[in-house]
Protein backbone atom coordinates (compact mmCIF):
# COMPACT_ATOMS: atom_id res chain seq x y z
CA MET A 1 155.11 124.97 73.25
CA VAL A 2 154.78 125.79 76.96
CA GLU A 3 157.91 125.92 79.07
CA ALA A 4 158.00 123.91 82.29
CA VAL A 5 159.49 126.13 85.00
CA TYR A 6 160.30 125.56 88.67
CA PRO A 7 160.69 128.35 91.24
CA ASP A 8 164.23 128.95 92.41
CA ASP A 9 163.60 128.34 96.09
CA THR A 10 164.80 126.07 98.89
CA ALA A 11 162.09 123.51 98.21
CA THR A 12 163.12 123.11 94.56
CA ARG A 13 166.79 122.84 95.51
CA GLN A 14 165.99 120.25 98.17
CA SER A 15 163.92 118.26 95.68
CA ILE A 16 167.01 117.95 93.47
CA ILE A 17 169.02 116.60 96.41
CA ASP A 18 166.21 114.22 97.37
CA ALA A 19 166.07 112.95 93.79
CA CYS A 20 169.82 112.25 93.79
CA LEU A 21 169.54 110.39 97.10
CA TRP A 22 166.63 108.35 95.74
CA MET A 23 168.65 107.30 92.69
CA GLY A 24 171.37 106.03 94.99
CA ASP A 25 168.89 104.21 97.22
CA VAL A 26 167.32 102.31 94.31
CA GLY A 27 170.66 101.50 92.67
CA ILE A 28 170.34 103.73 89.61
CA ASN A 29 173.43 105.71 90.59
CA GLN A 30 176.58 105.23 92.64
CA GLY A 31 178.73 107.63 94.62
CA THR A 32 178.81 111.10 93.10
CA SER A 33 178.08 109.94 89.54
CA GLY A 34 175.11 111.35 87.70
CA ASN A 35 173.57 114.80 87.89
CA ILE A 36 170.22 116.58 87.77
CA SER A 37 169.05 119.95 86.50
CA VAL A 38 165.71 121.77 86.52
CA ARG A 39 164.51 124.82 84.64
CA VAL A 40 163.91 128.02 86.63
CA PRO A 41 162.57 131.37 85.34
CA ASP A 42 165.96 132.86 84.48
CA GLY A 43 168.08 129.77 83.85
CA MET A 44 168.61 126.40 85.46
CA LEU A 45 169.58 124.81 88.75
CA ILE A 46 172.07 121.91 88.64
CA THR A 47 173.91 119.72 91.10
CA PRO A 48 177.46 120.81 91.99
CA SER A 49 180.56 118.93 90.92
CA ALA A 50 182.01 116.10 93.05
CA VAL A 51 179.89 116.65 96.18
CA PRO A 52 178.54 113.46 97.81
CA TYR A 53 174.76 113.67 97.73
CA ALA A 54 174.45 112.88 101.44
CA ARG A 55 176.49 116.02 102.21
CA MET A 56 174.75 118.29 99.73
CA THR A 57 172.69 121.23 100.98
CA PRO A 58 170.29 123.51 99.06
CA ASP A 59 172.77 126.40 99.00
CA MET A 60 175.26 124.15 97.16
CA ILE A 61 172.96 123.73 94.15
CA CYS A 62 174.38 125.82 91.30
CA LYS A 63 172.46 128.30 89.18
CA LEU A 64 173.38 128.90 85.54
CA SER A 65 171.87 130.80 82.65
CA LEU A 66 170.78 128.84 79.58
CA THR A 67 173.19 130.71 77.33
CA GLU A 68 176.39 131.49 79.23
CA PRO A 69 179.10 129.32 80.84
CA PRO A 70 179.43 129.28 84.62
CA ALA A 71 180.99 132.34 86.21
CA PRO A 72 184.64 131.60 87.06
CA ASP A 73 184.20 132.71 90.68
CA ALA A 74 181.02 130.68 91.29
CA ARG A 75 180.67 127.22 92.82
CA LYS A 76 181.65 124.63 90.22
CA PRO A 77 178.58 122.95 88.69
CA SER A 78 178.44 119.35 87.50
CA THR A 79 181.01 118.61 84.81
CA GLU A 80 178.04 117.77 82.55
CA TRP A 81 176.50 121.26 82.73
CA GLN A 82 176.94 121.70 78.97
CA PHE A 83 174.50 119.00 77.94
CA HIS A 84 172.00 120.01 80.63
CA GLN A 85 172.14 123.59 79.39
CA ALA A 86 171.95 122.57 75.72
CA ILE A 87 168.98 120.24 76.27
CA LEU A 88 166.98 122.80 78.25
CA ARG A 89 167.74 125.43 75.63
CA ALA A 90 166.69 123.16 72.76
CA ARG A 91 163.64 121.66 74.47
CA PRO A 92 161.34 124.29 76.05
CA ASP A 93 158.91 121.50 76.95
CA VAL A 94 161.50 120.01 79.32
CA GLY A 95 161.55 121.09 82.96
CA ALA A 96 164.04 118.53 84.27
CA VAL A 97 167.04 116.58 82.97
CA VAL A 98 168.30 113.47 84.78
CA HIS A 99 171.65 111.85 84.02
CA ALA A 100 172.73 108.59 85.64
CA HIS A 101 174.89 105.50 85.15
CA PRO A 102 172.45 102.60 85.76
CA ALA A 103 174.24 99.30 85.22
CA HIS A 104 172.09 97.62 82.53
CA ALA A 105 171.49 100.77 80.52
CA THR A 106 175.19 101.61 80.68
CA ALA A 107 176.10 98.09 79.58
CA ILE A 108 173.97 98.52 76.46
CA ALA A 109 175.50 101.96 75.92
CA ILE A 110 178.90 100.26 76.00
CA GLN A 111 177.67 97.97 73.22
CA ARG A 112 176.76 101.19 71.38
CA ARG A 113 173.33 100.04 70.35
CA PRO A 114 169.86 101.47 70.90
CA ILE A 115 167.26 99.66 72.98
CA PRO A 116 164.65 98.46 70.48
CA ALA A 117 160.94 97.80 71.02
CA VAL A 118 161.37 94.67 73.17
CA HIS A 119 158.51 95.87 75.40
CA TYR A 120 155.74 98.40 74.99
CA MET A 121 157.29 100.59 77.71
CA VAL A 122 159.73 101.81 75.07
CA ALA A 123 156.89 104.18 74.17
CA ALA A 124 157.58 106.06 77.42
CA PHE A 125 160.57 107.50 75.56
CA GLY A 126 158.61 108.82 72.62
CA GLY A 127 159.21 106.32 69.81
CA ILE A 128 160.16 102.83 68.70
CA ASP A 129 163.53 102.78 70.47
CA VAL A 130 165.82 104.48 72.96
CA PRO A 131 168.62 105.88 70.79
CA VAL A 132 172.32 105.84 71.58
CA THR A 133 174.78 108.65 70.87
CA GLY A 134 178.31 108.30 69.63
CA TYR A 135 181.16 108.57 72.12
CA ALA A 136 182.62 111.88 73.24
CA LEU A 137 184.56 112.96 76.31
CA PHE A 138 182.30 113.74 79.26
CA GLY A 139 181.60 117.38 79.98
CA GLY A 140 182.23 118.71 76.48
CA LYS A 141 180.31 120.41 73.70
CA ALA A 142 180.59 117.38 71.40
CA LEU A 143 178.68 115.22 73.87
CA ALA A 144 176.14 118.00 74.44
CA ASP A 145 175.51 118.29 70.70
CA MET A 146 175.02 114.54 70.33
CA ALA A 147 172.68 114.38 73.32
CA VAL A 148 170.53 117.19 71.93
CA ASP A 149 170.38 115.44 68.56
CA ALA A 150 169.39 112.09 70.12
CA LEU A 151 166.66 113.79 72.16
CA THR A 152 165.15 115.68 69.23
CA ASP A 153 162.10 113.39 69.21
CA ARG A 154 162.77 111.25 72.31
CA HIS A 155 162.54 111.59 76.08
CA GLY A 156 165.58 109.48 76.84
CA CYS A 157 168.83 108.31 75.29
CA LEU A 158 171.97 106.32 76.01
CA LEU A 159 175.43 107.88 75.89
CA ALA A 160 178.02 105.56 74.36
CA ASN A 161 180.35 104.05 76.99
CA HIS A 162 178.92 106.43 79.57
CA GLY A 163 175.34 106.26 80.85
CA ALA A 164 171.84 107.57 80.17
CA ILE A 165 169.76 110.75 80.08
CA THR A 166 166.02 111.16 80.60
CA VAL A 167 163.96 114.34 80.29
CA ALA A 168 160.43 115.39 81.19
CA PRO A 169 158.30 118.41 82.09
CA THR A 170 158.73 117.54 85.78
CA LEU A 171 161.51 116.07 87.88
CA ASP A 172 159.25 113.26 89.12
CA ARG A 173 158.48 112.19 85.56
CA ALA A 174 162.14 112.36 84.50
CA LEU A 175 163.04 110.12 87.46
CA TRP A 176 160.24 107.74 86.54
CA ARG A 177 161.62 107.55 83.03
CA MET A 178 165.13 106.81 84.31
CA GLU A 179 163.80 103.96 86.44
CA GLU A 180 161.80 102.63 83.48
CA LEU A 181 164.83 102.96 81.21
CA GLU A 182 166.97 100.82 83.49
CA ASN A 183 164.22 98.21 83.74
CA LEU A 184 163.80 98.20 79.96
CA ALA A 185 167.55 97.70 79.57
CA ARG A 186 167.48 94.85 82.08
CA VAL A 187 164.56 93.17 80.26
CA ASP A 188 166.36 93.56 76.92
CA THR A 189 169.51 91.99 78.38
CA LEU A 190 167.61 89.06 79.91
CA ALA A 191 165.63 88.43 76.72
CA ARG A 192 168.84 88.13 74.72
CA THR A 193 170.13 85.32 76.94
CA GLY A 194 167.54 83.06 75.31
CA GLY A 195 168.00 84.20 71.74
CA GLU A 196 167.06 87.14 69.58
CA PRO A 197 164.08 89.07 71.01
CA VAL A 198 160.88 89.38 69.00
CA LEU A 199 160.30 93.11 68.62
CA LEU A 200 157.02 94.98 68.55
CA THR A 201 156.21 96.55 65.20
CA GLU A 202 156.07 100.27 64.49
CA ALA A 203 152.27 100.00 64.22
CA GLU A 204 152.04 98.29 67.60
CA ILE A 205 154.20 100.95 69.23
CA ALA A 206 152.17 103.68 67.51
CA ASP A 207 149.06 102.31 69.24
CA VAL A 208 150.85 102.48 72.60
CA LEU A 209 152.08 106.03 71.99
CA VAL A 210 148.47 107.21 71.64
CA SER A 211 147.82 105.99 75.18
CA PHE A 212 151.00 107.38 76.73
CA ASP A 213 150.32 111.12 76.98
CA ASP A 214 149.23 110.85 80.60
CA TYR A 215 150.97 107.62 81.59
CA GLY A 216 153.14 107.45 84.70
CA ARG A 217 153.90 109.95 87.41
CA GLN A 218 153.40 113.63 86.63
């Protein structure tokens, strides 16, 4: 399995900031909520804690190893650094992790249910549904462990009473998945206003999965 790796340079750091600003512009995130990490040759880059994205600069992006906690004298990374670190360590195919609190996806996470195959775009997440984790306090190992478990064979998951995570080889594709996840959640919510949705079968989703290797932005 080939690792997806970004260079640790100003352009990569700025792309993380630009991605955060984009999520705010399209309504996927609000304020300082959410966070982004990317894999670099000797660890990961991640957004800092509690810094408004409009005020963020490339030098504020934090660098961590994939095995050790942040140095006590370093800039404080996102409170969710543990699940970013754990996912990148467990998934060498992943080059970027995006976490956000989009309204419809978060509403379904509050219901503590997965998003089933209401639309063929569920295949963008690697299977017949988008799974949901149990609840754990943000920023802790318990949540990190549950996120890693949910993403074992998926490219996105919901976090109970919290938000969503998407992963991909590239940051662009992880952002695309987050946007698609929120739209899928919105479609699921709207469909349920008229009754119980008719779900696609496992065989129908399997046919879609065959076509999804190169689907969407790279």
